[in-house]
Amino acid sequence: MVIRRGVRSILITLALYLVSSGVVGYFLFHAHHGARGLETLGGLREKLGEMETEIAGLTSERQGWEKRLSLMRDQAVDRDLLEERARASLGRIHRNDVVVMGR
């Protein structure tokens, strides 16, 4: 009887340790490999870096466009810009321009 109680208490303790270690292992595995785990976090940080560089490029492009637009909006229009746009839209050239024909 005493031996059975001793074995039973050891087996119950061992079962509790095995179940609790299984639960902890399950949560650790999913904390690393899950949908919101550490591997996914690395991928999201990489994607964030790519998007930040894209935003920086688009911001500089927007500033360039805003600068060109401000030249057209002022009271005195920039003559060079106006002439450039007029030639591009009309398909005309000035008699002093040099035209380079490529392949």
N, C-alpha and C. Protein backbone atom coordinates (compact mmCIF):
# COMPACT_ATOMS: atom_id res chain seq x y z
N MET A 1 0.79 -1.18 0.00
CA MET A 1 0.00 0.00 0.00
C MET A 1 0.85 1.27 0.00
N VAL A 2 1.82 1.28 0.86
CA VAL A 2 2.67 2.46 0.97
C VAL A 2 3.46 2.65 -0.31
N ILE A 3 3.87 1.57 -0.93
CA ILE A 3 4.63 1.67 -2.17
C ILE A 3 3.74 2.21 -3.28
N ARG A 4 2.48 1.74 -3.33
CA ARG A 4 1.56 2.23 -4.35
C ARG A 4 1.31 3.74 -4.19
N ARG A 5 1.15 4.18 -2.94
CA ARG A 5 0.95 5.61 -2.72
C ARG A 5 2.17 6.41 -3.14
N GLY A 6 3.34 5.90 -2.87
CA GLY A 6 4.57 6.59 -3.25
C GLY A 6 4.72 6.66 -4.76
N VAL A 7 4.43 5.52 -5.42
CA VAL A 7 4.51 5.49 -6.88
C VAL A 7 3.44 6.38 -7.48
N ARG A 8 2.24 6.33 -6.91
CA ARG A 8 1.14 7.16 -7.41
C ARG A 8 1.49 8.64 -7.28
N SER A 9 2.03 9.05 -6.15
CA SER A 9 2.38 10.47 -5.97
C SER A 9 3.49 10.88 -6.92
N ILE A 10 4.43 9.98 -7.19
CA ILE A 10 5.50 10.30 -8.15
C ILE A 10 4.93 10.40 -9.56
N LEU A 11 4.04 9.48 -9.92
CA LEU A 11 3.44 9.51 -11.26
C LEU A 11 2.55 10.74 -11.46
N ILE A 12 1.80 11.10 -10.43
CA ILE A 12 0.95 12.30 -10.54
C ILE A 12 1.82 13.55 -10.69
N THR A 13 2.88 13.64 -9.90
CA THR A 13 3.80 14.78 -10.00
C THR A 13 4.45 14.81 -11.38
N LEU A 14 4.88 13.65 -11.86
CA LEU A 14 5.51 13.56 -13.18
C LEU A 14 4.52 13.95 -14.28
N ALA A 15 3.27 13.53 -14.18
CA ALA A 15 2.24 13.87 -15.16
C ALA A 15 1.98 15.38 -15.15
N LEU A 16 1.92 15.98 -13.98
CA LEU A 16 1.71 17.43 -13.90
C LEU A 16 2.87 18.19 -14.54
N TYR A 17 4.09 17.72 -14.29
CA TYR A 17 5.25 18.38 -14.91
C TYR A 17 5.22 18.22 -16.42
N LEU A 18 4.85 17.03 -16.90
CA LEU A 18 4.79 16.81 -18.35
C LEU A 18 3.72 17.66 -19.01
N VAL A 19 2.55 17.74 -18.41
CA VAL A 19 1.47 18.55 -18.98
C VAL A 19 1.84 20.03 -18.97
N SER A 20 2.39 20.49 -17.85
CA SER A 20 2.75 21.91 -17.78
C SER A 20 3.89 22.24 -18.75
N SER A 21 4.87 21.35 -18.89
CA SER A 21 5.95 21.60 -19.85
C SER A 21 5.42 21.55 -21.28
N GLY A 22 4.43 20.69 -21.56
CA GLY A 22 3.81 20.66 -22.89
C GLY A 22 3.09 21.96 -23.20
N VAL A 23 2.36 22.50 -22.22
CA VAL A 23 1.65 23.77 -22.42
C VAL A 23 2.63 24.90 -22.64
N VAL A 24 3.68 24.95 -21.84
CA VAL A 24 4.69 26.00 -22.00
C VAL A 24 5.38 25.86 -23.35
N GLY A 25 5.70 24.64 -23.76
CA GLY A 25 6.32 24.40 -25.07
C GLY A 25 5.42 24.85 -26.21
N TYR A 26 4.12 24.58 -26.09
CA TYR A 26 3.16 25.00 -27.10
C TYR A 26 3.16 26.52 -27.25
N PHE A 27 3.09 27.24 -26.15
CA PHE A 27 3.06 28.69 -26.21
C PHE A 27 4.39 29.27 -26.71
N LEU A 28 5.50 28.67 -26.32
CA LEU A 28 6.80 29.14 -26.80
C LEU A 28 6.94 28.93 -28.31
N PHE A 29 6.47 27.78 -28.79
CA PHE A 29 6.54 27.52 -30.22
C PHE A 29 5.74 28.55 -31.00
N HIS A 30 4.52 28.82 -30.56
CA HIS A 30 3.68 29.77 -31.28
C HIS A 30 4.13 31.21 -31.06
N ALA A 31 4.82 31.49 -29.97
CA ALA A 31 5.37 32.84 -29.78
C ALA A 31 6.49 33.11 -30.78
N HIS A 32 7.15 32.06 -31.23
CA HIS A 32 8.25 32.23 -32.18
C HIS A 32 7.77 32.08 -33.62
N HIS A 33 6.95 31.09 -33.90
CA HIS A 33 6.57 30.78 -35.28
C HIS A 33 5.14 31.19 -35.65
N GLY A 34 4.38 31.72 -34.74
CA GLY A 34 2.97 32.00 -34.99
C GLY A 34 2.74 33.21 -35.88
N ALA A 35 1.47 33.52 -36.09
CA ALA A 35 1.09 34.63 -36.96
C ALA A 35 1.55 35.97 -36.40
N ARG A 36 1.68 36.07 -35.09
CA ARG A 36 2.17 37.30 -34.46
C ARG A 36 3.47 37.03 -33.72
N GLY A 37 4.25 36.08 -34.21
CA GLY A 37 5.47 35.66 -33.54
C GLY A 37 6.68 36.50 -33.91
N LEU A 38 7.83 36.05 -33.44
CA LEU A 38 9.07 36.80 -33.64
C LEU A 38 9.51 36.78 -35.11
N GLU A 39 9.31 35.67 -35.81
CA GLU A 39 9.69 35.63 -37.22
C GLU A 39 8.85 36.60 -38.04
N THR A 40 7.58 36.68 -37.75
CA THR A 40 6.70 37.61 -38.46
C THR A 40 7.09 39.05 -38.16
N LEU A 41 7.51 39.31 -36.93
CA LEU A 41 7.93 40.66 -36.55
C LEU A 41 9.13 41.10 -37.38
N GLY A 42 10.08 40.20 -37.62
CA GLY A 42 11.22 40.54 -38.46
C GLY A 42 10.81 40.89 -39.88
N GLY A 43 9.87 40.11 -40.43
CA GLY A 43 9.38 40.40 -41.77
C GLY A 43 8.66 41.74 -41.84
N LEU A 44 7.89 42.04 -40.81
CA LEU A 44 7.18 43.32 -40.79
C LEU A 44 8.14 44.50 -40.67
N ARG A 45 9.20 44.32 -39.90
CA ARG A 45 10.19 45.40 -39.79
C ARG A 45 10.90 45.63 -41.12
N GLU A 46 11.18 44.55 -41.84
CA GLU A 46 11.82 44.69 -43.15
C GLU A 46 10.90 45.41 -44.12
N LYS A 47 9.63 45.04 -44.11
CA LYS A 47 8.65 45.69 -44.98
C LYS A 47 8.48 47.16 -44.60
N LEU A 48 8.55 47.46 -43.31
CA LEU A 48 8.44 48.84 -42.85
C LEU A 48 9.61 49.67 -43.37
N GLY A 49 10.82 49.09 -43.35
CA GLY A 49 11.99 49.81 -43.88
C GLY A 49 11.84 50.11 -45.36
N GLU A 50 11.32 49.14 -46.13
CA GLU A 50 11.10 49.36 -47.56
C GLU A 50 10.08 50.47 -47.78
N MET A 51 9.03 50.47 -47.00
CA MET A 51 7.99 51.49 -47.16
C MET A 51 8.50 52.87 -46.76
N GLU A 52 9.36 52.94 -45.76
CA GLU A 52 9.92 54.24 -45.36
C GLU A 52 10.80 54.81 -46.46
N THR A 53 11.60 53.95 -47.12
CA THR A 53 12.43 54.45 -48.22
C THR A 53 11.55 54.89 -49.39
N GLU A 54 10.46 54.17 -49.64
CA GLU A 54 9.53 54.56 -50.70
C GLU A 54 8.87 55.90 -50.37
N ILE A 55 8.51 56.09 -49.11
CA ILE A 55 7.90 57.36 -48.69
C ILE A 55 8.89 58.50 -48.85
N ALA A 56 10.16 58.25 -48.52
CA ALA A 56 11.17 59.31 -48.67
C ALA A 56 11.33 59.70 -50.14
N GLY A 57 11.33 58.72 -51.04
CA GLY A 57 11.43 59.01 -52.47
C GLY A 57 10.23 59.77 -52.98
N LEU A 58 9.04 59.34 -52.54
CA LEU A 58 7.83 60.02 -52.99
C LEU A 58 7.74 61.43 -52.42
N THR A 59 8.24 61.62 -51.20
CA THR A 59 8.23 62.96 -50.61
C THR A 59 9.13 63.91 -51.39
N SER A 60 10.31 63.42 -51.77
CA SER A 60 11.21 64.28 -52.54
C SER A 60 10.62 64.58 -53.92
N GLU A 61 9.96 63.59 -54.52
CA GLU A 61 9.32 63.83 -55.82
C GLU A 61 8.19 64.85 -55.69
N ARG A 62 7.42 64.74 -54.60
CA ARG A 62 6.34 65.70 -54.38
C ARG A 62 6.87 67.11 -54.18
N GLN A 63 7.98 67.24 -53.43
CA GLN A 63 8.56 68.56 -53.22
C GLN A 63 9.02 69.17 -54.54
N GLY A 64 9.57 68.33 -55.43
CA GLY A 64 9.96 68.83 -56.75
C GLY A 64 8.78 69.32 -57.54
N TRP A 65 7.68 68.57 -57.51
CA TRP A 65 6.48 68.98 -58.21
C TRP A 65 5.88 70.25 -57.60
N GLU A 66 5.90 70.33 -56.27
CA GLU A 66 5.38 71.54 -55.63
C GLU A 66 6.21 72.76 -55.99
N LYS A 67 7.51 72.58 -56.11
CA LYS A 67 8.38 73.69 -56.49
C LYS A 67 8.06 74.16 -57.91
N ARG A 68 7.92 73.19 -58.82
CA ARG A 68 7.59 73.57 -60.20
C ARG A 68 6.21 74.21 -60.29
N LEU A 69 5.28 73.72 -59.49
CA LEU A 69 3.93 74.27 -59.50
C LEU A 69 3.91 75.68 -58.92
N SER A 70 4.74 75.91 -57.90
CA SER A 70 4.78 77.26 -57.32
C SER A 70 5.34 78.27 -58.32
N LEU A 71 6.22 77.82 -59.20
CA LEU A 71 6.72 78.73 -60.24
C LEU A 71 5.63 79.11 -61.23
N MET A 72 4.66 78.23 -61.42
CA MET A 72 3.56 78.52 -62.34
C MET A 72 2.46 79.34 -61.66
N ARG A 73 2.34 79.28 -60.33
CA ARG A 73 1.26 79.95 -59.62
C ARG A 73 1.57 81.39 -59.24
N ASP A 74 2.81 81.76 -59.18
CA ASP A 74 3.15 83.12 -58.74
C ASP A 74 2.58 84.16 -59.69
N GLN A 75 2.61 85.41 -59.22
CA GLN A 75 2.11 86.51 -60.05
C GLN A 75 2.93 86.61 -61.34
N ALA A 76 4.24 86.49 -61.20
CA ALA A 76 5.12 86.52 -62.37
C ALA A 76 5.51 85.09 -62.70
N VAL A 77 5.04 84.58 -63.81
CA VAL A 77 5.32 83.21 -64.22
C VAL A 77 6.76 83.12 -64.71
N ASP A 78 7.45 82.06 -64.32
CA ASP A 78 8.82 81.85 -64.77
C ASP A 78 8.80 81.63 -66.29
N ARG A 79 9.46 82.49 -67.02
CA ARG A 79 9.40 82.45 -68.49
C ARG A 79 10.02 81.18 -69.05
N ASP A 80 11.10 80.72 -68.45
CA ASP A 80 11.75 79.51 -68.95
C ASP A 80 10.84 78.30 -68.81
N LEU A 81 10.21 78.19 -67.69
CA LEU A 81 9.31 77.06 -67.46
C LEU A 81 8.10 77.14 -68.39
N LEU A 82 7.57 78.32 -68.56
CA LEU A 82 6.41 78.50 -69.45
C LEU A 82 6.79 78.15 -70.89
N GLU A 83 7.95 78.60 -71.32
CA GLU A 83 8.40 78.31 -72.68
C GLU A 83 8.64 76.82 -72.87
N GLU A 84 9.22 76.20 -71.88
CA GLU A 84 9.48 74.75 -71.96
C GLU A 84 8.18 73.98 -72.09
N ARG A 85 7.20 74.31 -71.27
CA ARG A 85 5.91 73.61 -71.31
C ARG A 85 5.17 73.88 -72.62
N ALA A 86 5.24 75.10 -73.11
CA ALA A 86 4.56 75.45 -74.37
C ALA A 86 5.18 74.68 -75.54
N ARG A 87 6.49 74.60 -75.58
CA ARG A 87 7.16 73.87 -76.66
C ARG A 87 6.83 72.38 -76.58
N ALA A 88 6.79 71.85 -75.37
CA ALA A 88 6.49 70.42 -75.22
C ALA A 88 5.06 70.12 -75.66
N SER A 89 4.12 70.98 -75.31
CA SER A 89 2.73 70.67 -75.68
C SER A 89 2.44 70.98 -77.14
N LEU A 90 3.10 71.98 -77.72
CA LEU A 90 2.83 72.32 -79.12
C LEU A 90 3.71 71.56 -80.09
N GLY A 91 4.76 70.97 -79.59
CA GLY A 91 5.67 70.23 -80.47
C GLY A 91 6.50 71.14 -81.36
N ARG A 92 6.81 72.31 -80.88
CA ARG A 92 7.58 73.29 -81.65
C ARG A 92 8.99 73.42 -81.07
N ILE A 93 9.88 73.96 -81.89
CA ILE A 93 11.24 74.24 -81.43
C ILE A 93 11.60 75.68 -81.81
N HIS A 94 12.58 76.21 -81.09
CA HIS A 94 13.08 77.56 -81.39
C HIS A 94 14.12 77.44 -82.50
N ARG A 95 14.33 78.47 -83.29
CA ARG A 95 15.25 78.39 -84.41
C ARG A 95 16.70 78.23 -83.95
N ASN A 96 17.01 78.61 -82.70
CA ASN A 96 18.37 78.46 -82.21
C ASN A 96 18.59 77.14 -81.45
N ASP A 97 17.55 76.32 -81.31
CA ASP A 97 17.70 75.04 -80.62
C ASP A 97 18.42 74.03 -81.48
N VAL A 98 19.13 73.15 -80.83
CA VAL A 98 19.80 72.05 -81.51
C VAL A 98 18.99 70.79 -81.24
N VAL A 99 18.59 70.10 -82.28
CA VAL A 99 17.80 68.89 -82.16
C VAL A 99 18.71 67.70 -82.40
N VAL A 100 18.73 66.79 -81.44
CA VAL A 100 19.55 65.58 -81.55
C VAL A 100 18.59 64.43 -81.81
N MET A 101 18.78 63.77 -82.93
CA MET A 101 17.92 62.64 -83.30
C MET A 101 18.64 61.36 -82.91
N GLY A 102 17.99 60.53 -82.17
CA GLY A 102 18.57 59.27 -81.74
C GLY A 102 17.98 58.10 -82.54
N ARG A 103 18.44 56.94 -82.21
CA ARG A 103 17.94 55.74 -82.89
C ARG A 103 16.55 55.41 -82.51
